[in-house]
PDB file of N, CA and C in Angstrom:
ATOM      1  N   MET A   1     -56.634  -0.122   4.846  1.00  0.00           N
ATOM      2  CA  MET A   1     -55.467   0.707   4.685  1.00  0.00           C
ATOM      3  C   MET A   1     -55.456   1.253   3.268  1.00  0.00           C
ATOM      4  N   TRP A   2     -55.049   2.503   3.142  1.00  0.00           N
ATOM      5  CA  TRP A   2     -55.025   3.157   1.840  1.00  0.00           C
ATOM      6  C   TRP A   2     -53.706   2.863   1.149  1.00  0.00           C
ATOM      7  N   GLU A   3     -53.746   2.476  -0.117  1.00  0.00           N
ATOM      8  CA  GLU A   3     -52.545   2.254  -0.919  1.00  0.00           C
ATOM      9  C   GLU A   3     -52.627   3.135  -2.141  1.00  0.00           C
ATOM     10  N   ALA A   4     -51.486   3.610  -2.561  1.00  0.00           N
ATOM     11  CA  ALA A   4     -51.461   4.448  -3.751  1.00  0.00           C
ATOM     12  C   ALA A   4     -51.747   3.591  -4.965  1.00  0.00           C
ATOM     13  N   ALA A   5     -52.521   4.125  -5.824  1.00  0.00           N
ATOM     14  CA  ALA A   5     -52.794   3.413  -7.075  1.00  0.00           C
ATOM     15  C   ALA A   5     -51.500   3.319  -7.868  1.00  0.00           C
ATOM     16  N   PRO A   6     -51.304   2.226  -8.592  1.00  0.00           N
ATOM     17  CA  PRO A   6     -50.062   2.033  -9.327  1.00  0.00           C
ATOM     18  C   PRO A   6     -49.698   3.198 -10.228  1.00  0.00           C
ATOM     19  N   ASN A   7     -50.667   3.922 -10.742  1.00  0.00           N
ATOM     20  CA  ASN A   7     -50.373   5.022 -11.654  1.00  0.00           C
ATOM     21  C   ASN A   7     -50.313   6.367 -10.951  1.00  0.00           C
ATOM     22  N   SER A   8     -50.410   6.389  -9.640  1.00  0.00           N
ATOM     23  CA  SER A   8     -50.412   7.659  -8.929  1.00  0.00           C
ATOM     24  C   SER A   8     -49.029   8.283  -8.934  1.00  0.00           C
ATOM     25  N   SER A   9     -48.977   9.558  -8.670  1.00  0.00           N
ATOM     26  CA  SER A   9     -47.695  10.262  -8.665  1.00  0.00           C
ATOM     27  C   SER A   9     -46.812   9.791  -7.511  1.00  0.00           C
ATOM     28  N   LEU A  10     -47.414   9.398  -6.373  1.00  0.00           N
ATOM     29  CA  LEU A  10     -46.637   8.888  -5.241  1.00  0.00           C
ATOM     30  C   LEU A  10     -45.930   7.594  -5.621  1.00  0.00           C
ATOM     31  N   ALA A  11     -46.617   6.685  -6.264  1.00  0.00           N
ATOM     32  CA  ALA A  11     -46.009   5.423  -6.691  1.00  0.00           C
ATOM     33  C   ALA A  11     -44.913   5.686  -7.713  1.00  0.00           C
ATOM     34  N   ALA A  12     -45.153   6.598  -8.624  1.00  0.00           N
ATOM     35  CA  ALA A  12     -44.148   6.933  -9.644  1.00  0.00           C
ATOM     36  C   ALA A  12     -42.916   7.542  -8.991  1.00  0.00           C
ATOM     37  N   GLU A  13     -43.137   8.416  -8.015  1.00  0.00           N
ATOM     38  CA  GLU A  13     -42.015   9.048  -7.316  1.00  0.00           C
ATOM     39  C   GLU A  13     -41.200   8.016  -6.547  1.00  0.00           C
ATOM     40  N   MET A  14     -41.892   7.064  -5.891  1.00  0.00           N
ATOM     41  CA  MET A  14     -41.183   6.018  -5.148  1.00  0.00           C
ATOM     42  C   MET A  14     -40.373   5.141  -6.097  1.00  0.00           C
ATOM     43  N   ASN A  15     -40.950   4.776  -7.221  1.00  0.00           N
ATOM     44  CA  ASN A  15     -40.219   3.983  -8.211  1.00  0.00           C
ATOM     45  C   ASN A  15     -39.024   4.755  -8.746  1.00  0.00           C
ATOM     46  N   ASN A  16     -39.219   6.045  -8.979  1.00  0.00           N
ATOM     47  CA  ASN A  16     -38.139   6.891  -9.478  1.00  0.00           C
ATOM     48  C   ASN A  16     -37.015   6.982  -8.453  1.00  0.00           C
ATOM     49  N   THR A  17     -37.362   7.129  -7.168  1.00  0.00           N
ATOM     50  CA  THR A  17     -36.361   7.188  -6.095  1.00  0.00           C
ATOM     51  C   THR A  17     -35.575   5.890  -6.025  1.00  0.00           C
ATOM     52  N   ASN A  18     -36.282   4.757  -6.108  1.00  0.00           N
ATOM     53  CA  ASN A  18     -35.603   3.461  -6.096  1.00  0.00           C
ATOM     54  C   ASN A  18     -34.673   3.324  -7.285  1.00  0.00           C
ATOM     55  N   SER A  19     -35.123   3.766  -8.448  1.00  0.00           N
ATOM     56  CA  SER A  19     -34.292   3.685  -9.652  1.00  0.00           C
ATOM     57  C   SER A  19     -33.041   4.538  -9.507  1.00  0.00           C
ATOM     58  N   ILE A  20     -33.180   5.726  -8.945  1.00  0.00           N
ATOM     59  CA  ILE A  20     -32.029   6.615  -8.742  1.00  0.00           C
ATOM     60  C   ILE A  20     -31.044   5.979  -7.774  1.00  0.00           C
ATOM     61  N   GLU A  21     -31.550   5.434  -6.660  1.00  0.00           N
ATOM     62  CA  GLU A  21     -30.672   4.790  -5.679  1.00  0.00           C
ATOM     63  C   GLU A  21     -29.961   3.587  -6.285  1.00  0.00           C
ATOM     64  N   GLU A  22     -30.700   2.775  -7.039  1.00  0.00           N
ATOM     65  CA  GLU A  22     -30.088   1.617  -7.689  1.00  0.00           C
ATOM     66  C   GLU A  22     -29.043   2.055  -8.705  1.00  0.00           C
ATOM     67  N   SER A  23     -29.342   3.106  -9.438  1.00  0.00           N
ATOM     68  CA  SER A  23     -28.405   3.631 -10.434  1.00  0.00           C
ATOM     69  C   SER A  23     -27.136   4.154  -9.762  1.00  0.00           C
ATOM     70  N   GLN A  24     -27.307   4.879  -8.657  1.00  0.00           N
ATOM     71  CA  GLN A  24     -26.149   5.400  -7.923  1.00  0.00           C
ATOM     72  C   GLN A  24     -25.318   4.266  -7.341  1.00  0.00           C
ATOM     73  N   GLN A  25     -25.984   3.243  -6.831  1.00  0.00           N
ATOM     74  CA  GLN A  25     -25.275   2.099  -6.266  1.00  0.00           C
ATOM     75  C   GLN A  25     -24.512   1.359  -7.359  1.00  0.00           C
ATOM     76  N   LEU A  26     -25.143   1.171  -8.504  1.00  0.00           N
ATOM     77  CA  LEU A  26     -24.487   0.513  -9.630  1.00  0.00           C
ATOM     78  C   LEU A  26     -23.279   1.323 -10.092  1.00  0.00           C
ATOM     79  N   GLU A  27     -23.437   2.638 -10.162  1.00  0.00           N
ATOM     80  CA  GLU A  27     -22.333   3.510 -10.559  1.00  0.00           C
ATOM     81  C   GLU A  27     -21.182   3.412  -9.561  1.00  0.00           C
ATOM     82  N   SER A  28     -21.497   3.347  -8.282  1.00  0.00           N
ATOM     83  CA  SER A  28     -20.478   3.206  -7.244  1.00  0.00           C
ATOM     84  C   SER A  28     -19.731   1.887  -7.389  1.00  0.00           C
ATOM     85  N   PHE A  29     -20.471   0.806  -7.634  1.00  0.00           N
ATOM     86  CA  PHE A  29     -19.840  -0.502  -7.835  1.00  0.00           C
ATOM     87  C   PHE A  29     -18.951  -0.496  -9.073  1.00  0.00           C
ATOM     88  N   GLU A  30     -19.429   0.136 -10.141  1.00  0.00           N
ATOM     89  CA  GLU A  30     -18.649   0.201 -11.378  1.00  0.00           C
ATOM     90  C   GLU A  30     -17.351   0.975 -11.168  1.00  0.00           C
ATOM     91  N   LYS A  31     -17.415   2.071 -10.416  1.00  0.00           N
ATOM     92  CA  LYS A  31     -16.204   2.845 -10.114  1.00  0.00           C
ATOM     93  C   LYS A  31     -15.223   2.014  -9.290  1.00  0.00           C
ATOM     94  N   ALA A  32     -15.741   1.292  -8.306  1.00  0.00           N
ATOM     95  CA  ALA A  32     -14.879   0.447  -7.471  1.00  0.00           C
ATOM     96  C   ALA A  32     -14.240  -0.650  -8.305  1.00  0.00           C
ATOM     97  N   LEU A  33     -15.021  -1.263  -9.180  1.00  0.00           N
ATOM     98  CA  LEU A  33     -14.492  -2.313 -10.046  1.00  0.00           C
ATOM     99  C   LEU A  33     -13.432  -1.759 -10.983  1.00  0.00           C
ATOM    100  N   LYS A  34     -13.665  -0.573 -11.536  1.00  0.00           N
ATOM    101  CA  LYS A  34     -12.680   0.066 -12.423  1.00  0.00           C
ATOM    102  C   LYS A  34     -11.387   0.327 -11.663  1.00  0.00           C
ATOM    103  N   PHE A  35     -11.490   0.819 -10.426  1.00  0.00           N
ATOM    104  CA  PHE A  35     -10.301   1.067  -9.611  1.00  0.00           C
ATOM    105  C   PHE A  35      -9.519  -0.226  -9.406  1.00  0.00           C
ATOM    106  N   ILE A  36     -10.215  -1.296  -9.047  1.00  0.00           N
ATOM    107  CA  ILE A  36      -9.553  -2.590  -8.817  1.00  0.00           C
ATOM    108  C   ILE A  36      -8.912  -3.094 -10.103  1.00  0.00           C
ATOM    109  N   GLU A  37      -9.624  -2.988 -11.215  1.00  0.00           N
ATOM    110  CA  GLU A  37      -9.070  -3.429 -12.497  1.00  0.00           C
ATOM    111  C   GLU A  37      -7.824  -2.635 -12.868  1.00  0.00           C
ATOM    112  N   ASP A  38      -7.895  -1.301 -12.728  1.00  0.00           N
ATOM    113  CA  ASP A  38      -6.733  -0.460 -13.040  1.00  0.00           C
ATOM    114  C   ASP A  38      -5.561  -0.801 -12.135  1.00  0.00           C
ATOM    115  N   PHE A  39      -5.858  -0.969 -10.861  1.00  0.00           N
ATOM    116  CA  PHE A  39      -4.805  -1.249  -9.885  1.00  0.00           C
ATOM    117  C   PHE A  39      -4.123  -2.580 -10.176  1.00  0.00           C
ATOM    118  N   THR A  40      -4.907  -3.608 -10.486  1.00  0.00           N
ATOM    119  CA  THR A  40      -4.308  -4.921 -10.738  1.00  0.00           C
ATOM    120  C   THR A  40      -3.683  -5.000 -12.124  1.00  0.00           C
ATOM    121  N   THR A  41      -4.272  -4.335 -13.092  1.00  0.00           N
ATOM    122  CA  THR A  41      -3.707  -4.332 -14.440  1.00  0.00           C
ATOM    123  C   THR A  41      -2.369  -3.607 -14.457  1.00  0.00           C
ATOM    124  N   ASN A  42      -2.257  -2.550 -13.675  1.00  0.00           N
ATOM    125  CA  ASN A  42      -1.049  -1.729 -13.658  1.00  0.00           C
ATOM    126  C   ASN A  42      -0.194  -1.972 -12.424  1.00  0.00           C
ATOM    127  N   ALA A  43      -0.334  -3.131 -11.795  1.00  0.00           N
ATOM    128  CA  ALA A  43       0.386  -3.404 -10.545  1.00  0.00           C
ATOM    129  C   ALA A  43       1.891  -3.253 -10.716  1.00  0.00           C
ATOM    130  N   ASP A  44       2.433  -3.756 -11.798  1.00  0.00           N
ATOM    131  CA  ASP A  44       3.873  -3.675 -12.016  1.00  0.00           C
ATOM    132  C   ASP A  44       4.330  -2.220 -12.104  1.00  0.00           C
ATOM    133  N   LYS A  45       3.598  -1.419 -12.853  1.00  0.00           N
ATOM    134  CA  LYS A  45       3.926   0.002 -13.000  1.00  0.00           C
ATOM    135  C   LYS A  45       3.822   0.723 -11.652  1.00  0.00           C
ATOM    136  N   ILE A  46       2.775   0.424 -10.906  1.00  0.00           N
ATOM    137  CA  ILE A  46       2.572   1.050  -9.599  1.00  0.00           C
ATOM    138  C   ILE A  46       3.682   0.637  -8.636  1.00  0.00           C
ATOM    139  N   GLN A  47       4.032  -0.646  -8.622  1.00  0.00           N
ATOM    140  CA  GLN A  47       5.111  -1.113  -7.746  1.00  0.00           C
ATOM    141  C   GLN A  47       6.436  -0.453  -8.108  1.00  0.00           C
ATOM    142  N   ASN A  48       6.708  -0.301  -9.396  1.00  0.00           N
ATOM    143  CA  ASN A  48       7.928   0.391  -9.822  1.00  0.00           C
ATOM    144  C   ASN A  48       7.955   1.816  -9.301  1.00  0.00           C
ATOM    145  N   ARG A  49       6.818   2.512  -9.425  1.00  0.00           N
ATOM    146  CA  ARG A  49       6.750   3.903  -8.979  1.00  0.00           C
ATOM    147  C   ARG A  49       6.939   4.003  -7.463  1.00  0.00           C
ATOM    148  N   VAL A  50       6.301   3.109  -6.718  1.00  0.00           N
ATOM    149  CA  VAL A  50       6.425   3.134  -5.257  1.00  0.00           C
ATOM    150  C   VAL A  50       7.868   2.840  -4.841  1.00  0.00           C
ATOM    151  N   LEU A  51       8.487   1.824  -5.450  1.00  0.00           N
ATOM    152  CA  LEU A  51       9.884   1.511  -5.134  1.00  0.00           C
ATOM    153  C   LEU A  51      10.775   2.704  -5.440  1.00  0.00           C
ATOM    154  N   SER A  52      10.570   3.327  -6.586  1.00  0.00           N
ATOM    155  CA  SER A  52      11.371   4.488  -6.966  1.00  0.00           C
ATOM    156  C   SER A  52      11.223   5.622  -5.954  1.00  0.00           C
ATOM    157  N   GLU A  53       9.996   5.866  -5.497  1.00  0.00           N
ATOM    158  CA  GLU A  53       9.761   6.914  -4.494  1.00  0.00           C
ATOM    159  C   GLU A  53      10.460   6.580  -3.180  1.00  0.00           C
ATOM    160  N   ILE A  54      10.352   5.335  -2.744  1.00  0.00           N
ATOM    161  CA  ILE A  54      11.000   4.918  -1.492  1.00  0.00           C
ATOM    162  C   ILE A  54      12.511   5.075  -1.609  1.00  0.00           C
ATOM    163  N   LEU A  55      13.068   4.645  -2.736  1.00  0.00           N
ATOM    164  CA  LEU A  55      14.521   4.738  -2.921  1.00  0.00           C
ATOM    165  C   LEU A  55      14.974   6.186  -3.050  1.00  0.00           C
ATOM    166  N   SER A  56      14.172   7.038  -3.673  1.00  0.00           N
ATOM    167  CA  SER A  56      14.518   8.460  -3.777  1.00  0.00           C
ATOM    168  C   SER A  56      14.560   9.110  -2.400  1.00  0.00           C
ATOM    169  N   ILE A  57      13.547   8.837  -1.608  1.00  0.00           N
ATOM    170  CA  ILE A  57      13.466   9.417  -0.264  1.00  0.00           C
ATOM    171  C   ILE A  57      14.629   8.947   0.603  1.00  0.00           C
ATOM    172  N   ASN A  58      15.021   7.686   0.441  1.00  0.00           N
ATOM    173  CA  ASN A  58      16.036   7.086   1.306  1.00  0.00           C
ATOM    174  C   ASN A  58      17.374   6.875   0.602  1.00  0.00           C
ATOM    175  N   ALA A  59      17.638   7.630  -0.451  1.00  0.00           N
ATOM    176  CA  ALA A  59      18.825   7.417  -1.290  1.00  0.00           C
ATOM    177  C   ALA A  59      20.136   7.436  -0.513  1.00  0.00           C
ATOM    178  N   HIS A  60      20.201   8.223   0.535  1.00  0.00           N
ATOM    179  CA  HIS A  60      21.482   8.393   1.224  1.00  0.00           C
ATOM    180  C   HIS A  60      21.566   7.681   2.571  1.00  0.00           C
ATOM    181  N   VAL A  61      20.677   6.730   2.811  1.00  0.00           N
ATOM    182  CA  VAL A  61      20.766   5.998   4.074  1.00  0.00           C
ATOM    183  C   VAL A  61      21.949   5.041   4.024  1.00  0.00           C
ATOM    184  N   GLU A  62      22.472   4.770   5.174  1.00  0.00           N
ATOM    185  CA  GLU A  62      23.679   3.953   5.304  1.00  0.00           C
ATOM    186  C   GLU A  62      23.535   2.572   4.664  1.00  0.00           C
ATOM    187  N   TYR A  63      22.424   1.914   4.904  1.00  0.00           N
ATOM    188  CA  TYR A  63      22.241   0.550   4.410  1.00  0.00           C
ATOM    189  C   TYR A  63      22.324   0.497   2.884  1.00  0.00           C
ATOM    190  N   LEU A  64      21.611   1.395   2.211  1.00  0.00           N
ATOM    191  CA  LEU A  64      21.626   1.394   0.742  1.00  0.00           C
ATOM    192  C   LEU A  64      22.992   1.800   0.200  1.00  0.00           C
ATOM    193  N   GLN A  65      23.658   2.740   0.861  1.00  0.00           N
ATOM    194  CA  GLN A  65      25.003   3.145   0.442  1.00  0.00           C
ATOM    195  C   GLN A  65      25.993   2.000   0.616  1.00  0.00           C
ATOM    196  N   ARG A  66      25.859   1.295   1.712  1.00  0.00           N
ATOM    197  CA  ARG A  66      26.750   0.175   2.004  1.00  0.00           C
ATOM    198  C   ARG A  66      26.710  -0.884   0.893  1.00  0.00           C
ATOM    199  N   HIS A  67      25.552  -1.057   0.300  1.00  0.00           N
ATOM    200  CA  HIS A  67      25.402  -2.059  -0.757  1.00  0.00           C
ATOM    201  C   HIS A  67      25.636  -1.493  -2.153  1.00  0.00           C
ATOM    202  N   GLY A  68      25.935  -0.206  -2.251  1.00  0.00           N
ATOM    203  CA  GLY A  68      26.296   0.385  -3.531  1.00  0.00           C
ATOM    204  C   GLY A  68      25.140   0.805  -4.414  1.00  0.00           C
ATOM    205  N   LEU A  69      24.004   1.141  -3.846  1.00  0.00           N
ATOM    206  CA  LEU A  69      22.894   1.593  -4.675  1.00  0.00           C
ATOM    207  C   LEU A  69      23.195   2.968  -5.277  1.00  0.00           C
ATOM    208  N   ASP A  70      23.982   3.772  -4.584  1.00  0.00           N
ATOM    209  CA  ASP A  70      24.479   5.064  -5.089  1.00  0.00           C
ATOM    210  C   ASP A  70      23.396   5.964  -5.680  1.00  0.00           C
ATOM    211  N   GLY A  71      22.256   6.033  -5.030  1.00  0.00           N
ATOM    212  CA  GLY A  71      21.200   6.943  -5.462  1.00  0.00           C
ATOM    213  C   GLY A  71      20.330   6.443  -6.598  1.00  0.00           C
ATOM    214  N   HIS A  72      20.599   5.265  -7.129  1.00  0.00           N
ATOM    215  CA  HIS A  72      19.751   4.719  -8.192  1.00  0.00           C
ATOM    216  C   HIS A  72      18.367   4.425  -7.631  1.00  0.00           C
ATOM    217  N   THR A  73      17.354   4.657  -8.448  1.00  0.00           N
ATOM    218  CA  THR A  73      15.984   4.428  -7.995  1.00  0.00           C
ATOM    219  C   THR A  73      15.238   3.421  -8.864  1.00  0.00           C
ATOM    220  N   ASP A  74      15.931   2.774  -9.784  1.00  0.00           N
ATOM    221  CA  ASP A  74      15.261   1.826 -10.670  1.00  0.00           C
ATOM    222  C   ASP A  74      15.297   0.414 -10.099  1.00  0.00           C
ATOM    223  N   ARG A  75      14.307  -0.362 -10.461  1.00  0.00           N
ATOM    224  CA  ARG A  75      14.154  -1.715  -9.940  1.00  0.00           C
ATOM    225  C   ARG A  75      15.315  -2.621 -10.344  1.00  0.00           C
ATOM    226  N   GLU A  76      15.793  -2.496 -11.569  1.00  0.00           N
ATOM    227  CA  GLU A  76      16.855  -3.380 -12.049  1.00  0.00           C
ATOM    228  C   GLU A  76      18.121  -3.233 -11.206  1.00  0.00           C
ATOM    229  N   THR A  77      18.529  -1.999 -10.944  1.00  0.00           N
ATOM    230  CA  THR A  77      19.721  -1.773 -10.116  1.00  0.00           C
ATOM    231  C   THR A  77      19.477  -2.255  -8.697  1.00  0.00           C
ATOM    232  N   PHE A  78      18.300  -1.965  -8.163  1.00  0.00           N
ATOM    233  CA  PHE A  78      17.960  -2.412  -6.815  1.00  0.00           C
ATOM    234  C   PHE A  78      18.095  -3.927  -6.706  1.00  0.00           C
ATOM    235  N   LYS A  79      17.520  -4.655  -7.661  1.00  0.00           N
ATOM    236  CA  LYS A  79      17.583  -6.120  -7.629  1.00  0.00           C
ATOM    237  C   LYS A  79      19.014  -6.625  -7.777  1.00  0.00           C
ATOM    238  N   LYS A  80      19.817  -5.889  -8.522  1.00  0.00           N
ATOM    239  CA  LYS A  80      21.185  -6.318  -8.779  1.00  0.00           C
ATOM    240  C   LYS A  80      22.090  -6.126  -7.555  1.00  0.00           C
ATOM    241  N   VAL A  81      21.918  -5.023  -6.834  1.00  0.00           N
ATOM    242  CA  VAL A  81      22.882  -4.702  -5.771  1.00  0.00           C
ATOM    243  C   VAL A  81      22.389  -4.960  -4.351  1.00  0.00           C
ATOM    244  N   ILE A  82      21.083  -5.046  -4.139  1.00  0.00           N
ATOM    245  CA  ILE A  82      20.564  -5.253  -2.782  1.00  0.00           C
ATOM    246  C   ILE A  82      20.220  -6.732  -2.617  1.00  0.00           C
ATOM    247  N   PRO A  83      20.877  -7.419  -1.687  1.00  0.00           N
ATOM    248  CA  PRO A  83      20.637  -8.860  -1.523  1.00  0.00           C
ATOM    249  C   PRO A  83      19.324  -9.149  -0.794  1.00  0.00           C
ATOM    250  N   VAL A  84      18.837 -10.359  -0.971  1.00  0.00           N
ATOM    251  CA  VAL A  84      17.720 -10.845  -0.159  1.00  0.00           C
ATOM    252  C   VAL A  84      18.298 -11.110   1.227  1.00  0.00           C
ATOM    253  N   ILE A  85      17.616 -10.649   2.258  1.00  0.00           N
ATOM    254  CA  ILE A  85      18.193 -10.699   3.604  1.00  0.00           C
ATOM    255  C   ILE A  85      17.242 -11.342   4.605  1.00  0.00           C
ATOM    256  N   THR A  86      17.783 -11.583   5.788  1.00  0.00           N
ATOM    257  CA  THR A  86      17.004 -12.086   6.917  1.00  0.00           C
ATOM    258  C   THR A  86      17.138 -11.094   8.066  1.00  0.00           C
ATOM    259  N   TYR A  87      16.417 -11.353   9.109  1.00  0.00           N
ATOM    260  CA  TYR A  87      16.527 -10.528  10.310  1.00  0.00           C
ATOM    261  C   TYR A  87      17.969 -10.500  10.807  1.00  0.00           C
ATOM    262  N   GLU A  88      18.614 -11.642  10.786  1.00  0.00           N
ATOM    263  CA  GLU A  88      19.996 -11.731  11.283  1.00  0.00           C
ATOM    264  C   GLU A  88      20.921 -10.783  10.529  1.00  0.00           C
ATOM    265  N   ASP A  89      20.669 -10.591   9.238  1.00  0.00           N
ATOM    266  CA  ASP A  89      21.480  -9.663   8.449  1.00  0.00           C
ATOM    267  C   ASP A  89      21.312  -8.223   8.928  1.00  0.00           C
ATOM    268  N   LEU A  90      20.127  -7.878   9.378  1.00  0.00           N
ATOM    269  CA  LEU A  90      19.847  -6.514   9.831  1.00  0.00           C
ATOM    270  C   LEU A  90      20.056  -6.313  11.325  1.00  0.00           C
ATOM    271  N   LYS A  91      20.272  -7.381  12.041  1.00  0.00           N
ATOM    272  CA  LYS A  91      20.351  -7.305  13.501  1.00  0.00           C
ATOM    273  C   LYS A  91      21.357  -6.267  14.002  1.00  0.00           C
ATOM    274  N   PRO A  92      22.572  -6.174  13.448  1.00  0.00           N
ATOM    275  CA  PRO A  92      23.493  -5.143  13.938  1.00  0.00           C
ATOM    276  C   PRO A  92      22.939  -3.725  13.750  1.00  0.00           C
ATOM    277  N   ASP A  93      22.305  -3.466  12.613  1.00  0.00           N
ATOM    278  CA  ASP A  93      21.718  -2.141  12.378  1.00  0.00           C
ATOM    279  C   ASP A  93      20.548  -1.892  13.321  1.00  0.00           C
ATOM    280  N   ILE A  94      19.719  -2.898  13.512  1.00  0.00           N
ATOM    281  CA  ILE A  94      18.578  -2.764  14.419  1.00  0.00           C
ATOM    282  C   ILE A  94      19.060  -2.503  15.844  1.00  0.00           C
ATOM    283  N   ASN A  95      20.101  -3.197  16.264  1.00  0.00           N
ATOM    284  CA  ASN A  95      20.649  -2.977  17.610  1.00  0.00           C
ATOM    285  C   ASN A  95      21.184  -1.559  17.763  1.00  0.00           C
ATOM    286  N   ARG A  96      21.845  -1.041  16.736  1.00  0.00           N
ATOM    287  CA  ARG A  96      22.332   0.347  16.800  1.00  0.00           C
ATOM    288  C   ARG A  96      21.171   1.311  17.008  1.00  0.00           C
ATOM    289  N   ILE A  97      20.116   1.106  16.235  1.00  0.00           N
ATOM    290  CA  ILE A  97      18.947   1.985  16.341  1.00  0.00           C
ATOM    291  C   ILE A  97      18.291   1.827  17.709  1.00  0.00           C
ATOM    292  N   ALA A  98      18.144   0.586  18.171  1.00  0.00           N
ATOM    293  CA  ALA A  98      17.528   0.323  19.475  1.00  0.00           C
ATOM    294  C   ALA A  98      18.341   0.933  20.609  1.00  0.00           C
ATOM    295  N   ASN A  99      19.648   1.060  20.405  1.00  0.00           N
ATOM    296  CA  ASN A  99      20.522   1.643  21.424  1.00  0.00           C
ATOM    297  C   ASN A  99      20.631   3.157  21.313  1.00  0.00           C
ATOM    298  N   GLY A 100      19.797   3.771  20.470  1.00  0.00           N
ATOM    299  CA  GLY A 100      19.729   5.227  20.443  1.00  0.00           C
ATOM    300  C   GLY A 100      20.362   5.919  19.252  1.00  0.00           C
ATOM    301  N   ASP A 101      20.974   5.197  18.330  1.00  0.00           N
ATOM    302  CA  ASP A 101      21.575   5.825  17.150  1.00  0.00           C
ATOM    303  C   ASP A 101      20.454   6.370  16.264  1.00  0.00           C
ATOM    304  N   THR A 102      20.441   7.678  16.047  1.00  0.00           N
ATOM    305  CA  THR A 102      19.380   8.302  15.250  1.00  0.00           C
ATOM    306  C   THR A 102      19.836   8.663  13.839  1.00  0.00           C
ATOM    307  N   SER A 103      21.033   8.237  13.467  1.00  0.00           N
ATOM    308  CA  SER A 103      21.499   8.524  12.108  1.00  0.00           C
ATOM    309  C   SER A 103      20.671   7.729  11.100  1.00  0.00           C
ATOM    310  N   PRO A 104      20.653   8.166   9.842  1.00  0.00           N
ATOM    311  CA  PRO A 104      19.845   7.465   8.832  1.00  0.00           C
ATOM    312  C   PRO A 104      20.476   6.138   8.417  1.00  0.00           C
ATOM    313  N   ILE A 105      20.194   5.114   9.163  1.00  0.00           N
ATOM    314  CA  ILE A 105      20.790   3.796   8.919  1.00  0.00           C
ATOM    315  C   ILE A 105      19.941   3.009   7.924  1.00  0.00           C
ATOM    316  N   LEU A 106      18.658   2.832   8.242  1.00  0.00           N
ATOM    317  CA  LEU A 106      17.759   2.056   7.380  1.00  0.00           C
ATOM    318  C   LEU A 106      16.777   2.932   6.614  1.00  0.00           C
ATOM    319  N   CYS A 107      16.471   4.095   7.152  1.00  0.00           N
ATOM    320  CA  CYS A 107      15.584   5.029   6.459  1.00  0.00           C
ATOM    321  C   CYS A 107      15.943   6.451   6.871  1.00  0.00           C
ATOM    322  N   ARG A 108      15.482   7.397   6.066  1.00  0.00           N
ATOM    323  CA  ARG A 108      15.854   8.799   6.263  1.00  0.00           C
ATOM    324  C   ARG A 108      15.367   9.354   7.595  1.00  0.00           C
ATOM    325  N   GLU A 109      14.150   9.011   7.960  1.00  0.00           N
ATOM    326  CA  GLU A 109      13.569   9.516   9.201  1.00  0.00           C
ATOM    327  C   GLU A 109      14.007   8.644  10.375  1.00  0.00           C
ATOM    328  N   PRO A 110      14.194   9.236  11.540  1.00  0.00           N
ATOM    329  CA  PRO A 110      14.572   8.428  12.709  1.00  0.00           C
ATOM    330  C   PRO A 110      13.493   7.392  13.036  1.00  0.00           C
ATOM    331  N   ILE A 111      13.932   6.202  13.376  1.00  0.00           N
ATOM    332  CA  ILE A 111      13.008   5.149  13.803  1.00  0.00           C
ATOM    333  C   ILE A 111      12.790   5.330  15.296  1.00  0.00           C
ATOM    334  N   ILE A 112      11.540   5.439  15.700  1.00  0.00           N
ATOM    335  CA  ILE A 112      11.258   5.743  17.104  1.00  0.00           C
ATOM    336  C   ILE A 112      10.792   4.541  17.902  1.00  0.00           C
ATOM    337  N   GLY A 113      10.632   3.399  17.265  1.00  0.00           N
ATOM    338  CA  GLY A 113      10.210   2.220  18.013  1.00  0.00           C
ATOM    339  C   GLY A 113      10.191   0.980  17.157  1.00  0.00           C
ATOM    340  N   PHE A 114      10.238  -0.149  17.813  1.00  0.00           N
ATOM    341  CA  PHE A 114      10.157  -1.445  17.157  1.00  0.00           C
ATOM    342  C   PHE A 114       9.028  -2.240  17.792  1.00  0.00           C
ATOM    343  N   PHE A 115       8.405  -3.062  17.010  1.00  0.00           N
ATOM    344  CA  PHE A 115       7.376  -3.965  17.505  1.00  0.00           C
ATOM    345  C   PHE A 115       7.825  -5.382  17.217  1.00  0.00           C
ATOM    346  N   THR A 116       7.520  -6.272  18.125  1.00  0.00           N
ATOM    347  CA  THR A 116       7.859  -7.673  17.903  1.00  0.00           C
ATOM    348  C   THR A 116       6.582  -8.442  17.620  1.00  0.00           C
ATOM    349  N   SER A 117       6.742  -9.548  16.962  1.00  0.00           N
ATOM    350  CA  SER A 117       5.590 -10.412  16.723  1.00  0.00           C
ATOM    351  C   SER A 117       5.967 -11.828  17.117  1.00  0.00           C
ATOM    352  N   ALA A 118       4.996 -12.541  17.617  1.00  0.00           N
ATOM    353  CA  ALA A 118       5.240 -13.925  18.019  1.00  0.00           C
ATOM    354  C   ALA A 118       5.220 -14.802  16.783  1.00  0.00           C
ATOM    355  N   LYS A 119       6.125 -15.764  16.746  1.00  0.00           N
ATOM    356  CA  LYS A 119       6.116 -16.729  15.648  1.00  0.00           C
ATOM    357  C   LYS A 119       5.033 -17.745  15.950  1.00  0.00           C
ATOM    358  N   ARG A 120       4.267 -18.074  14.936  1.00  0.00           N
ATOM    359  CA  ARG A 120       3.193 -19.049  15.117  1.00  0.00           C
ATOM    360  C   ARG A 120       3.490 -20.249  14.238  1.00  0.00           C
ATOM    361  N   LEU A 121       3.361 -21.398  14.818  1.00  0.00           N
ATOM    362  CA  LEU A 121       3.566 -22.628  14.065  1.00  0.00           C
ATOM    363  C   LEU A 121       2.286 -22.978  13.331  1.00  0.00           C
ATOM    364  N   GLY A 122       2.427 -23.412  12.109  1.00  0.00           N
ATOM    365  CA  GLY A 122       1.263 -23.751  11.303  1.00  0.00           C
ATOM    366  C   GLY A 122       0.734 -25.138  11.584  1.00  0.00           C
ATOM    367  N   ARG A 123       0.332 -25.385  12.795  1.00  0.00           N
ATOM    368  CA  ARG A 123      -0.209 -26.697  13.171  1.00  0.00           C
ATOM    369  C   ARG A 123      -1.720 -26.659  13.130  1.00  0.00           C
ATOM    370  N   VAL A 124      -2.283 -27.777  12.740  1.00  0.00           N
ATOM    371  CA  VAL A 124      -3.746 -27.870  12.694  1.00  0.00           C
ATOM    372  C   VAL A 124      -4.231 -28.763  13.812  1.00  0.00           C
TER     373      VAL A 124
END
């Protein structure tokens, strides 16, 4: 079987192709790592921005008005006026929506469906 001599142009081209592919793969990994680092380093800032956007979009929904958010979009006000809740706390609102009420109760856009999930016990 014929093999290219180590110094032949074919061998050099193959090595060059491998180097380019490895370089591109390394660059791709570095970009992914940078994205992850930026995302985790700035998680608090990103979460603040996302919360602010959600609250801006839904500023006039019944639930937020009921608790006195009054259009505020900052985390401090949200934490101060919106209580930690359970399903039971939302059940009356969920029932209204399930019974056809399309007014902005929990979010600006009409909710068109609900999904249930089974509770699983953590047994081994």
